[in-house]
ModelCIF file with pLDDT and N, C-alpha, C, O atoms, coordinates in Angstrom:
data_MODEL
#
_entry.id   MODEL 
#
_entity.id                         1 
_entity.type                       polymer 
_entity.pdbx_number_of_molecules   1 
#
_entity_poly.entity_id                      1 
_entity_poly.type                           'polypeptide(L)' 
_entity_poly.nstd_linkage                   no 
_entity_poly.nstd_monomer                   no 
_entity_poly.pdbx_seq_one_letter_code       SGKYDEIEITTENEQGIDEIVTRKNNNNSEQVIRLIKSKNFRFITIKL 
_entity_poly.pdbx_seq_one_letter_code_can   SGKYDEIEITTENEQGIDEIVTRKNNNNSEQVIRLIKSKNFRFITIKL 
_entity_poly.pdbx_strand_id                 A 
#
loop_
_entity_poly_seq.entity_id 
_entity_poly_seq.num 
_entity_poly_seq.mon_id 
_entity_poly_seq.hetero 
1 1  SER n 
1 2  GLY n 
1 3  LYS n 
1 4  TYR n 
1 5  ASP n 
1 6  GLU n 
1 7  ILE n 
1 8  GLU n 
1 9  ILE n 
1 10 THR n 
1 11 THR n 
1 12 GLU n 
1 13 ASN n 
1 14 GLU n 
1 15 GLN n 
1 16 GLY n 
1 17 ILE n 
1 18 ASP n 
1 19 GLU n 
1 20 ILE n 
1 21 VAL n 
1 22 THR n 
1 23 ARG n 
1 24 LYS n 
1 25 ASN n 
1 26 ASN n 
1 27 ASN n 
1 28 ASN n 
1 29 SER n 
1 30 GLU n 
1 31 GLN n 
1 32 VAL n 
1 33 ILE n 
1 34 ARG n 
1 35 LEU n 
1 36 ILE n 
1 37 LYS n 
1 38 SER n 
1 39 LYS n 
1 40 ASN n 
1 41 PHE n 
1 42 ARG n 
1 43 PHE n 
1 44 ILE n 
1 45 THR n 
1 46 ILE n 
1 47 LYS n 
1 48 LEU n 
#
_struct_asym.id          A 
_struct_asym.entity_id   1 
#
loop_
_ma_qa_metric.id 
_ma_qa_metric.mode 
_ma_qa_metric.name 
_ma_qa_metric.software_group_id 
_ma_qa_metric.type 
1 global pLDDT . pLDDT 
2 local  pLDDT . pLDDT 
#
_ma_qa_metric_global.metric_id      1 
_ma_qa_metric_global.metric_value   84.35 
_ma_qa_metric_global.model_id       1 
_ma_qa_metric_global.ordinal_id     1 
#
loop_
_ma_qa_metric_local.label_asym_id 
_ma_qa_metric_local.label_comp_id 
_ma_qa_metric_local.label_seq_id 
_ma_qa_metric_local.metric_id 
_ma_qa_metric_local.metric_value 
_ma_qa_metric_local.model_id 
_ma_qa_metric_local.ordinal_id 
A SER 1  2 94.00 1 1  
A GLY 2  2 92.00 1 2  
A LYS 3  2 91.00 1 3  
A TYR 4  2 92.00 1 4  
A ASP 5  2 92.00 1 5  
A GLU 6  2 92.00 1 6  
A ILE 7  2 93.00 1 7  
A GLU 8  2 92.00 1 8  
A ILE 9  2 91.00 1 9  
A THR 10 2 91.00 1 10 
A THR 11 2 86.00 1 11 
A GLU 12 2 80.00 1 12 
A ASN 13 2 73.00 1 13 
A GLU 14 2 69.00 1 14 
A GLN 15 2 65.00 1 15 
A GLY 16 2 65.00 1 16 
A ILE 17 2 65.00 1 17 
A ASP 18 2 70.00 1 18 
A GLU 19 2 77.00 1 19 
A ILE 20 2 78.00 1 20 
A VAL 21 2 81.00 1 21 
A THR 22 2 82.00 1 22 
A ARG 23 2 76.00 1 23 
A LYS 24 2 78.00 1 24 
A ASN 25 2 73.00 1 25 
A ASN 26 2 69.00 1 26 
A ASN 27 2 66.00 1 27 
A ASN 28 2 76.00 1 28 
A SER 29 2 88.00 1 29 
A GLU 30 2 91.00 1 30 
A GLN 31 2 88.00 1 31 
A VAL 32 2 91.00 1 32 
A ILE 33 2 93.00 1 33 
A ARG 34 2 90.00 1 34 
A LEU 35 2 89.00 1 35 
A ILE 36 2 90.00 1 36 
A LYS 37 2 88.00 1 37 
A SER 38 2 87.00 1 38 
A LYS 39 2 84.00 1 39 
A ASN 40 2 85.00 1 40 
A PHE 41 2 89.00 1 41 
A ARG 42 2 89.00 1 42 
A PHE 43 2 91.00 1 43 
A ILE 44 2 93.00 1 44 
A THR 45 2 94.00 1 45 
A ILE 46 2 94.00 1 46 
A LYS 47 2 93.00 1 47 
A LEU 48 2 93.00 1 48 
#
loop_
_atom_site.group_PDB 
_atom_site.id 
_atom_site.type_symbol 
_atom_site.label_atom_id 
_atom_site.label_alt_id 
_atom_site.label_comp_id 
_atom_site.label_asym_id 
_atom_site.label_entity_id 
_atom_site.label_seq_id 
_atom_site.pdbx_PDB_ins_code 
_atom_site.Cartn_x 
_atom_site.Cartn_y 
_atom_site.Cartn_z 
_atom_site.occupancy 
_atom_site.B_iso_or_equiv 
_atom_site.pdbx_formal_charge 
_atom_site.auth_seq_id 
_atom_site.auth_comp_id 
_atom_site.auth_asym_id 
_atom_site.auth_atom_id 
_atom_site.pdbx_PDB_model_num 
ATOM 1   N N  . SER A 1 1  ? 177.484 185.472 140.881 1.00 94.00 ? 1  SER A N  1 
ATOM 2   C CA . SER A 1 1  ? 178.512 185.694 142.209 1.00 94.00 ? 1  SER A CA 1 
ATOM 3   C C  . SER A 1 1  ? 178.426 184.383 143.544 1.00 94.00 ? 1  SER A C  1 
ATOM 4   O O  . SER A 1 1  ? 179.174 183.697 144.240 1.00 94.00 ? 1  SER A O  1 
ATOM 5   N N  . GLY A 1 2  ? 177.075 184.617 143.312 1.00 92.00 ? 2  GLY A N  1 
ATOM 6   C CA . GLY A 1 2  ? 176.203 183.731 144.760 1.00 92.00 ? 2  GLY A CA 1 
ATOM 7   C C  . GLY A 1 2  ? 176.967 184.344 145.372 1.00 92.00 ? 2  GLY A C  1 
ATOM 8   O O  . GLY A 1 2  ? 178.117 183.929 145.509 1.00 92.00 ? 2  GLY A O  1 
ATOM 9   N N  . LYS A 1 3  ? 176.647 185.235 145.788 1.00 91.00 ? 3  LYS A N  1 
ATOM 10  C CA . LYS A 1 3  ? 177.587 185.546 147.169 1.00 91.00 ? 3  LYS A CA 1 
ATOM 11  C C  . LYS A 1 3  ? 175.805 186.231 148.263 1.00 91.00 ? 3  LYS A C  1 
ATOM 12  O O  . LYS A 1 3  ? 175.967 187.106 149.114 1.00 91.00 ? 3  LYS A O  1 
ATOM 13  N N  . TYR A 1 4  ? 174.825 185.836 148.082 1.00 92.00 ? 4  TYR A N  1 
ATOM 14  C CA . TYR A 1 4  ? 173.673 185.860 149.029 1.00 92.00 ? 4  TYR A CA 1 
ATOM 15  C C  . TYR A 1 4  ? 173.645 184.288 149.368 1.00 92.00 ? 4  TYR A C  1 
ATOM 16  O O  . TYR A 1 4  ? 174.198 183.258 148.981 1.00 92.00 ? 4  TYR A O  1 
ATOM 17  N N  . ASP A 1 5  ? 172.725 184.673 150.272 1.00 92.00 ? 5  ASP A N  1 
ATOM 18  C CA . ASP A 1 5  ? 171.254 183.433 151.125 1.00 92.00 ? 5  ASP A CA 1 
ATOM 19  C C  . ASP A 1 5  ? 170.347 183.283 150.373 1.00 92.00 ? 5  ASP A C  1 
ATOM 20  O O  . ASP A 1 5  ? 170.185 182.181 149.850 1.00 92.00 ? 5  ASP A O  1 
ATOM 21  N N  . GLU A 1 6  ? 169.546 184.281 150.117 1.00 92.00 ? 6  GLU A N  1 
ATOM 22  C CA . GLU A 1 6  ? 168.253 183.756 149.728 1.00 92.00 ? 6  GLU A CA 1 
ATOM 23  C C  . GLU A 1 6  ? 167.467 185.051 149.186 1.00 92.00 ? 6  GLU A C  1 
ATOM 24  O O  . GLU A 1 6  ? 167.514 186.232 149.530 1.00 92.00 ? 6  GLU A O  1 
ATOM 25  N N  . ILE A 1 7  ? 166.688 184.333 148.155 1.00 93.00 ? 7  ILE A N  1 
ATOM 26  C CA . ILE A 1 7  ? 165.742 185.177 147.370 1.00 93.00 ? 7  ILE A CA 1 
ATOM 27  C C  . ILE A 1 7  ? 164.067 185.355 147.898 1.00 93.00 ? 7  ILE A C  1 
ATOM 28  O O  . ILE A 1 7  ? 163.341 184.467 148.346 1.00 93.00 ? 7  ILE A O  1 
ATOM 29  N N  . GLU A 1 8  ? 163.802 186.539 147.720 1.00 92.00 ? 8  GLU A N  1 
ATOM 30  C CA . GLU A 1 8  ? 162.824 186.367 147.644 1.00 92.00 ? 8  GLU A CA 1 
ATOM 31  C C  . GLU A 1 8  ? 161.865 187.252 146.609 1.00 92.00 ? 8  GLU A C  1 
ATOM 32  O O  . GLU A 1 8  ? 162.172 188.420 146.370 1.00 92.00 ? 8  GLU A O  1 
ATOM 33  N N  . ILE A 1 9  ? 160.767 186.682 146.046 1.00 91.00 ? 9  ILE A N  1 
ATOM 34  C CA . ILE A 1 9  ? 160.565 187.128 144.398 1.00 91.00 ? 9  ILE A CA 1 
ATOM 35  C C  . ILE A 1 9  ? 158.709 187.815 145.311 1.00 91.00 ? 9  ILE A C  1 
ATOM 36  O O  . ILE A 1 9  ? 157.962 187.476 146.228 1.00 91.00 ? 9  ILE A O  1 
ATOM 37  N N  . THR A 1 10 ? 158.804 188.814 144.341 1.00 91.00 ? 10 THR A N  1 
ATOM 38  C CA . THR A 1 10 ? 157.187 189.196 144.762 1.00 91.00 ? 10 THR A CA 1 
ATOM 39  C C  . THR A 1 10 ? 156.469 189.315 143.109 1.00 91.00 ? 10 THR A C  1 
ATOM 40  O O  . THR A 1 10 ? 157.066 189.799 142.147 1.00 91.00 ? 10 THR A O  1 
ATOM 41  N N  . THR A 1 11 ? 155.237 188.821 143.078 1.00 86.00 ? 11 THR A N  1 
ATOM 42  C CA . THR A 1 11 ? 154.955 188.850 142.041 1.00 86.00 ? 11 THR A CA 1 
ATOM 43  C C  . THR A 1 11 ? 153.203 189.528 141.526 1.00 86.00 ? 11 THR A C  1 
ATOM 44  O O  . THR A 1 11 ? 152.697 188.502 141.980 1.00 86.00 ? 11 THR A O  1 
ATOM 45  N N  . GLU A 1 12 ? 152.434 190.023 141.203 1.00 80.00 ? 12 GLU A N  1 
ATOM 46  C CA . GLU A 1 12 ? 151.279 190.300 141.126 1.00 80.00 ? 12 GLU A CA 1 
ATOM 47  C C  . GLU A 1 12 ? 150.302 188.895 140.396 1.00 80.00 ? 12 GLU A C  1 
ATOM 48  O O  . GLU A 1 12 ? 150.959 188.283 139.553 1.00 80.00 ? 12 GLU A O  1 
ATOM 49  N N  . ASN A 1 13 ? 149.030 188.409 140.597 1.00 73.00 ? 13 ASN A N  1 
ATOM 50  C CA . ASN A 1 13 ? 148.876 187.668 140.557 1.00 73.00 ? 13 ASN A CA 1 
ATOM 51  C C  . ASN A 1 13 ? 147.497 187.840 139.256 1.00 73.00 ? 13 ASN A C  1 
ATOM 52  O O  . ASN A 1 13 ? 147.760 188.828 138.569 1.00 73.00 ? 13 ASN A O  1 
ATOM 53  N N  . GLU A 1 14 ? 146.639 187.394 138.952 1.00 69.00 ? 14 GLU A N  1 
ATOM 54  C CA . GLU A 1 14 ? 145.575 187.956 137.935 1.00 69.00 ? 14 GLU A CA 1 
ATOM 55  C C  . GLU A 1 14 ? 144.418 188.322 139.168 1.00 69.00 ? 14 GLU A C  1 
ATOM 56  O O  . GLU A 1 14 ? 143.355 188.821 138.799 1.00 69.00 ? 14 GLU A O  1 
ATOM 57  N N  . GLN A 1 15 ? 144.569 188.150 140.146 1.00 65.00 ? 15 GLN A N  1 
ATOM 58  C CA . GLN A 1 15 ? 143.442 189.329 141.099 1.00 65.00 ? 15 GLN A CA 1 
ATOM 59  C C  . GLN A 1 15 ? 144.506 190.504 140.921 1.00 65.00 ? 15 GLN A C  1 
ATOM 60  O O  . GLN A 1 15 ? 143.774 191.494 140.931 1.00 65.00 ? 15 GLN A O  1 
ATOM 61  N N  . GLY A 1 16 ? 145.032 190.690 140.857 1.00 65.00 ? 16 GLY A N  1 
ATOM 62  C CA . GLY A 1 16 ? 146.197 191.962 141.422 1.00 65.00 ? 16 GLY A CA 1 
ATOM 63  C C  . GLY A 1 16 ? 146.309 192.232 142.800 1.00 65.00 ? 16 GLY A C  1 
ATOM 64  O O  . GLY A 1 16 ? 146.195 193.209 143.540 1.00 65.00 ? 16 GLY A O  1 
ATOM 65  N N  . ILE A 1 17 ? 146.691 190.487 142.931 1.00 65.00 ? 17 ILE A N  1 
ATOM 66  C CA . ILE A 1 17 ? 147.239 190.449 144.769 1.00 65.00 ? 17 ILE A CA 1 
ATOM 67  C C  . ILE A 1 17 ? 148.456 190.249 144.678 1.00 65.00 ? 17 ILE A C  1 
ATOM 68  O O  . ILE A 1 17 ? 148.621 189.490 143.723 1.00 65.00 ? 17 ILE A O  1 
ATOM 69  N N  . ASP A 1 18 ? 149.900 190.639 145.379 1.00 70.00 ? 18 ASP A N  1 
ATOM 70  C CA . ASP A 1 18 ? 150.698 190.082 145.190 1.00 70.00 ? 18 ASP A CA 1 
ATOM 71  C C  . ASP A 1 18 ? 150.789 188.589 146.131 1.00 70.00 ? 18 ASP A C  1 
ATOM 72  O O  . ASP A 1 18 ? 150.185 188.022 147.042 1.00 70.00 ? 18 ASP A O  1 
ATOM 73  N N  . GLU A 1 19 ? 151.968 188.399 145.238 1.00 77.00 ? 19 GLU A N  1 
ATOM 74  C CA . GLU A 1 19 ? 152.461 186.930 145.942 1.00 77.00 ? 19 GLU A CA 1 
ATOM 75  C C  . GLU A 1 19 ? 153.824 187.139 145.554 1.00 77.00 ? 19 GLU A C  1 
ATOM 76  O O  . GLU A 1 19 ? 154.432 187.668 144.624 1.00 77.00 ? 19 GLU A O  1 
ATOM 77  N N  . ILE A 1 20 ? 154.229 186.146 147.272 1.00 78.00 ? 20 ILE A N  1 
ATOM 78  C CA . ILE A 1 20 ? 155.793 186.050 147.476 1.00 78.00 ? 20 ILE A CA 1 
ATOM 79  C C  . ILE A 1 20 ? 156.076 184.832 147.519 1.00 78.00 ? 20 ILE A C  1 
ATOM 80  O O  . ILE A 1 20 ? 155.260 184.037 147.987 1.00 78.00 ? 20 ILE A O  1 
ATOM 81  N N  . VAL A 1 21 ? 157.524 184.346 146.950 1.00 81.00 ? 21 VAL A N  1 
ATOM 82  C CA . VAL A 1 21 ? 158.517 182.760 146.598 1.00 81.00 ? 21 VAL A CA 1 
ATOM 83  C C  . VAL A 1 21 ? 159.589 183.350 146.678 1.00 81.00 ? 21 VAL A C  1 
ATOM 84  O O  . VAL A 1 21 ? 160.007 184.285 145.994 1.00 81.00 ? 21 VAL A O  1 
ATOM 85  N N  . THR A 1 22 ? 160.451 182.363 148.228 1.00 82.00 ? 22 THR A N  1 
ATOM 86  C CA . THR A 1 22 ? 161.552 182.238 148.800 1.00 82.00 ? 22 THR A CA 1 
ATOM 87  C C  . THR A 1 22 ? 162.115 181.219 148.124 1.00 82.00 ? 22 THR A C  1 
ATOM 88  O O  . THR A 1 22 ? 161.501 180.246 147.685 1.00 82.00 ? 22 THR A O  1 
ATOM 89  N N  . ARG A 1 23 ? 163.463 181.456 148.016 1.00 76.00 ? 23 ARG A N  1 
ATOM 90  C CA . ARG A 1 23 ? 164.001 180.666 147.263 1.00 76.00 ? 23 ARG A CA 1 
ATOM 91  C C  . ARG A 1 23 ? 165.691 180.878 148.003 1.00 76.00 ? 23 ARG A C  1 
ATOM 92  O O  . ARG A 1 23 ? 166.162 182.003 148.174 1.00 76.00 ? 23 ARG A O  1 
ATOM 93  N N  . LYS A 1 24 ? 166.278 179.874 148.295 1.00 78.00 ? 24 LYS A N  1 
ATOM 94  C CA . LYS A 1 24 ? 166.900 179.425 149.525 1.00 78.00 ? 24 LYS A CA 1 
ATOM 95  C C  . LYS A 1 24 ? 168.308 179.712 147.884 1.00 78.00 ? 24 LYS A C  1 
ATOM 96  O O  . LYS A 1 24 ? 167.776 179.607 146.779 1.00 78.00 ? 24 LYS A O  1 
ATOM 97  N N  . ASN A 1 25 ? 169.824 180.018 147.876 1.00 73.00 ? 25 ASN A N  1 
ATOM 98  C CA . ASN A 1 25 ? 170.828 179.913 147.507 1.00 73.00 ? 25 ASN A CA 1 
ATOM 99  C C  . ASN A 1 25 ? 171.433 178.691 146.702 1.00 73.00 ? 25 ASN A C  1 
ATOM 100 O O  . ASN A 1 25 ? 172.646 178.488 146.757 1.00 73.00 ? 25 ASN A O  1 
ATOM 101 N N  . ASN A 1 26 ? 170.533 177.807 145.894 1.00 69.00 ? 26 ASN A N  1 
ATOM 102 C CA . ASN A 1 26 ? 170.843 176.677 145.463 1.00 69.00 ? 26 ASN A CA 1 
ATOM 103 C C  . ASN A 1 26 ? 170.550 176.503 143.653 1.00 69.00 ? 26 ASN A C  1 
ATOM 104 O O  . ASN A 1 26 ? 169.718 175.818 143.059 1.00 69.00 ? 26 ASN A O  1 
ATOM 105 N N  . ASN A 1 27 ? 171.743 177.544 143.077 1.00 66.00 ? 27 ASN A N  1 
ATOM 106 C CA . ASN A 1 27 ? 171.905 177.401 141.742 1.00 66.00 ? 27 ASN A CA 1 
ATOM 107 C C  . ASN A 1 27 ? 171.318 177.415 140.995 1.00 66.00 ? 27 ASN A C  1 
ATOM 108 O O  . ASN A 1 27 ? 171.520 176.764 139.970 1.00 66.00 ? 27 ASN A O  1 
ATOM 109 N N  . ASN A 1 28 ? 169.774 178.598 141.304 1.00 76.00 ? 28 ASN A N  1 
ATOM 110 C CA . ASN A 1 28 ? 168.914 178.647 140.473 1.00 76.00 ? 28 ASN A CA 1 
ATOM 111 C C  . ASN A 1 28 ? 168.957 179.936 139.951 1.00 76.00 ? 28 ASN A C  1 
ATOM 112 O O  . ASN A 1 28 ? 168.141 180.338 139.122 1.00 76.00 ? 28 ASN A O  1 
ATOM 113 N N  . SER A 1 29 ? 169.991 180.690 140.456 1.00 88.00 ? 29 SER A N  1 
ATOM 114 C CA . SER A 1 29 ? 169.958 182.163 139.820 1.00 88.00 ? 29 SER A CA 1 
ATOM 115 C C  . SER A 1 29 ? 169.546 182.856 138.356 1.00 88.00 ? 29 SER A C  1 
ATOM 116 O O  . SER A 1 29 ? 169.188 183.989 138.034 1.00 88.00 ? 29 SER A O  1 
ATOM 117 N N  . GLU A 1 30 ? 169.832 181.305 137.453 1.00 91.00 ? 30 GLU A N  1 
ATOM 118 C CA . GLU A 1 30 ? 169.761 182.182 136.578 1.00 91.00 ? 30 GLU A CA 1 
ATOM 119 C C  . GLU A 1 30 ? 168.016 181.759 135.486 1.00 91.00 ? 30 GLU A C  1 
ATOM 120 O O  . GLU A 1 30 ? 167.605 182.091 134.374 1.00 91.00 ? 30 GLU A O  1 
ATOM 121 N N  . GLN A 1 31 ? 167.463 180.848 136.675 1.00 88.00 ? 31 GLN A N  1 
ATOM 122 C CA . GLN A 1 31 ? 165.731 181.179 135.933 1.00 88.00 ? 31 GLN A CA 1 
ATOM 123 C C  . GLN A 1 31 ? 165.438 182.434 136.771 1.00 88.00 ? 31 GLN A C  1 
ATOM 124 O O  . GLN A 1 31 ? 164.542 183.082 136.230 1.00 88.00 ? 31 GLN A O  1 
ATOM 125 N N  . VAL A 1 32 ? 165.895 183.013 137.928 1.00 91.00 ? 32 VAL A N  1 
ATOM 126 C CA . VAL A 1 32 ? 165.647 184.646 138.583 1.00 91.00 ? 32 VAL A CA 1 
ATOM 127 C C  . VAL A 1 32 ? 165.672 185.496 137.911 1.00 91.00 ? 32 VAL A C  1 
ATOM 128 O O  . VAL A 1 32 ? 164.802 186.334 137.674 1.00 91.00 ? 32 VAL A O  1 
ATOM 129 N N  . ILE A 1 33 ? 167.489 185.284 137.212 1.00 93.00 ? 33 ILE A N  1 
ATOM 130 C CA . ILE A 1 33 ? 167.906 186.107 136.350 1.00 93.00 ? 33 ILE A CA 1 
ATOM 131 C C  . ILE A 1 33 ? 166.419 186.179 134.636 1.00 93.00 ? 33 ILE A C  1 
ATOM 132 O O  . ILE A 1 33 ? 165.441 186.899 134.436 1.00 93.00 ? 33 ILE A O  1 
ATOM 133 N N  . ARG A 1 34 ? 166.836 185.431 134.115 1.00 90.00 ? 34 ARG A N  1 
ATOM 134 C CA . ARG A 1 34 ? 165.982 185.611 133.192 1.00 90.00 ? 34 ARG A CA 1 
ATOM 135 C C  . ARG A 1 34 ? 164.351 186.548 133.566 1.00 90.00 ? 34 ARG A C  1 
ATOM 136 O O  . ARG A 1 34 ? 164.129 187.238 132.571 1.00 90.00 ? 34 ARG A O  1 
ATOM 137 N N  . LEU A 1 35 ? 163.363 186.734 134.499 1.00 89.00 ? 35 LEU A N  1 
ATOM 138 C CA . LEU A 1 35 ? 162.491 187.354 135.341 1.00 89.00 ? 35 LEU A CA 1 
ATOM 139 C C  . LEU A 1 35 ? 163.183 188.589 135.786 1.00 89.00 ? 35 LEU A C  1 
ATOM 140 O O  . LEU A 1 35 ? 162.509 189.277 136.553 1.00 89.00 ? 35 LEU A O  1 
ATOM 141 N N  . ILE A 1 36 ? 164.367 189.040 135.493 1.00 90.00 ? 36 ILE A N  1 
ATOM 142 C CA . ILE A 1 36 ? 164.527 190.407 135.916 1.00 90.00 ? 36 ILE A CA 1 
ATOM 143 C C  . ILE A 1 36 ? 164.931 190.563 134.329 1.00 90.00 ? 36 ILE A C  1 
ATOM 144 O O  . ILE A 1 36 ? 164.391 191.594 133.927 1.00 90.00 ? 36 ILE A O  1 
ATOM 145 N N  . LYS A 1 37 ? 165.494 190.085 133.534 1.00 88.00 ? 37 LYS A N  1 
ATOM 146 C CA . LYS A 1 37 ? 165.158 190.604 132.036 1.00 88.00 ? 37 LYS A CA 1 
ATOM 147 C C  . LYS A 1 37 ? 163.764 190.764 131.441 1.00 88.00 ? 37 LYS A C  1 
ATOM 148 O O  . LYS A 1 37 ? 163.426 191.509 130.522 1.00 88.00 ? 37 LYS A O  1 
ATOM 149 N N  . SER A 1 38 ? 163.135 190.040 132.046 1.00 87.00 ? 38 SER A N  1 
ATOM 150 C CA . SER A 1 38 ? 161.316 190.462 131.486 1.00 87.00 ? 38 SER A CA 1 
ATOM 151 C C  . SER A 1 38 ? 160.381 191.303 131.889 1.00 87.00 ? 38 SER A C  1 
ATOM 152 O O  . SER A 1 38 ? 159.360 191.770 131.384 1.00 87.00 ? 38 SER A O  1 
ATOM 153 N N  . LYS A 1 39 ? 161.034 191.423 133.087 1.00 84.00 ? 39 LYS A N  1 
ATOM 154 C CA . LYS A 1 39 ? 160.430 192.147 134.656 1.00 84.00 ? 39 LYS A CA 1 
ATOM 155 C C  . LYS A 1 39 ? 158.953 192.438 135.062 1.00 84.00 ? 39 LYS A C  1 
ATOM 156 O O  . LYS A 1 39 ? 158.242 193.337 135.510 1.00 84.00 ? 39 LYS A O  1 
ATOM 157 N N  . ASN A 1 40 ? 158.924 191.442 134.735 1.00 85.00 ? 40 ASN A N  1 
ATOM 158 C CA . ASN A 1 40 ? 157.454 190.665 135.042 1.00 85.00 ? 40 ASN A CA 1 
ATOM 159 C C  . ASN A 1 40 ? 157.483 190.120 136.761 1.00 85.00 ? 40 ASN A C  1 
ATOM 160 O O  . ASN A 1 40 ? 156.967 189.157 137.329 1.00 85.00 ? 40 ASN A O  1 
ATOM 161 N N  . PHE A 1 41 ? 158.331 191.226 137.215 1.00 89.00 ? 41 PHE A N  1 
ATOM 162 C CA . PHE A 1 41 ? 157.885 190.824 138.721 1.00 89.00 ? 41 PHE A CA 1 
ATOM 163 C C  . PHE A 1 41 ? 157.543 192.345 139.362 1.00 89.00 ? 41 PHE A C  1 
ATOM 164 O O  . PHE A 1 41 ? 157.461 193.167 138.450 1.00 89.00 ? 41 PHE A O  1 
ATOM 165 N N  . ARG A 1 42 ? 157.308 192.966 140.774 1.00 89.00 ? 42 ARG A N  1 
ATOM 166 C CA . ARG A 1 42 ? 157.462 193.506 141.322 1.00 89.00 ? 42 ARG A CA 1 
ATOM 167 C C  . ARG A 1 42 ? 158.405 194.383 142.027 1.00 89.00 ? 42 ARG A C  1 
ATOM 168 O O  . ARG A 1 42 ? 158.791 195.548 141.922 1.00 89.00 ? 42 ARG A O  1 
ATOM 169 N N  . PHE A 1 43 ? 158.709 193.006 143.061 1.00 91.00 ? 43 PHE A N  1 
ATOM 170 C CA . PHE A 1 43 ? 160.181 193.293 143.799 1.00 91.00 ? 43 PHE A CA 1 
ATOM 171 C C  . PHE A 1 43 ? 160.601 191.872 143.709 1.00 91.00 ? 43 PHE A C  1 
ATOM 172 O O  . PHE A 1 43 ? 159.903 190.860 143.645 1.00 91.00 ? 43 PHE A O  1 
ATOM 173 N N  . ILE A 1 44 ? 162.503 192.079 143.722 1.00 93.00 ? 44 ILE A N  1 
ATOM 174 C CA . ILE A 1 44 ? 163.523 191.253 144.294 1.00 93.00 ? 44 ILE A CA 1 
ATOM 175 C C  . ILE A 1 44 ? 164.124 191.087 145.202 1.00 93.00 ? 44 ILE A C  1 
ATOM 176 O O  . ILE A 1 44 ? 165.349 191.201 145.167 1.00 93.00 ? 44 ILE A O  1 
ATOM 177 N N  . THR A 1 45 ? 163.458 190.762 146.320 1.00 94.00 ? 45 THR A N  1 
ATOM 178 C CA . THR A 1 45 ? 164.572 191.226 147.903 1.00 94.00 ? 45 THR A CA 1 
ATOM 179 C C  . THR A 1 45 ? 165.895 190.203 147.698 1.00 94.00 ? 45 THR A C  1 
ATOM 180 O O  . THR A 1 45 ? 165.494 189.040 147.665 1.00 94.00 ? 45 THR A O  1 
ATOM 181 N N  . ILE A 1 46 ? 167.309 190.297 147.556 1.00 94.00 ? 46 ILE A N  1 
ATOM 182 C CA . ILE A 1 46 ? 168.086 189.628 148.080 1.00 94.00 ? 46 ILE A CA 1 
ATOM 183 C C  . ILE A 1 46 ? 168.652 189.849 149.778 1.00 94.00 ? 46 ILE A C  1 
ATOM 184 O O  . ILE A 1 46 ? 168.751 190.932 150.355 1.00 94.00 ? 46 ILE A O  1 
ATOM 185 N N  . LYS A 1 47 ? 168.876 188.896 150.171 1.00 93.00 ? 47 LYS A N  1 
ATOM 186 C CA . LYS A 1 47 ? 169.715 188.464 151.191 1.00 93.00 ? 47 LYS A CA 1 
ATOM 187 C C  . LYS A 1 47 ? 170.659 188.185 151.258 1.00 93.00 ? 47 LYS A C  1 
ATOM 188 O O  . LYS A 1 47 ? 170.929 186.984 151.256 1.00 93.00 ? 47 LYS A O  1 
ATOM 189 N N  . LEU A 1 48 ? 171.742 189.240 151.359 1.00 93.00 ? 48 LEU A N  1 
ATOM 190 C CA . LEU A 1 48 ? 173.721 189.684 151.301 1.00 93.00 ? 48 LEU A CA 1 
ATOM 191 C C  . LEU A 1 48 ? 174.190 188.391 152.675 1.00 93.00 ? 48 LEU A C  1 
ATOM 192 O O  . LEU A 1 48 ? 175.362 188.263 153.028 1.00 93.00 ? 48 LEU A O  1 
#
């Protein structure tokens, strides 16, 4: 729906340390949706 401003994605690297990537709402939501379906992340936080 695009009703958000920012996405913060937390993943775990090979050393077991959390890595955080922040993305603005710039039409890259399909990449995040693929990540959601793969479950290959720890947290996705969306700022509405």
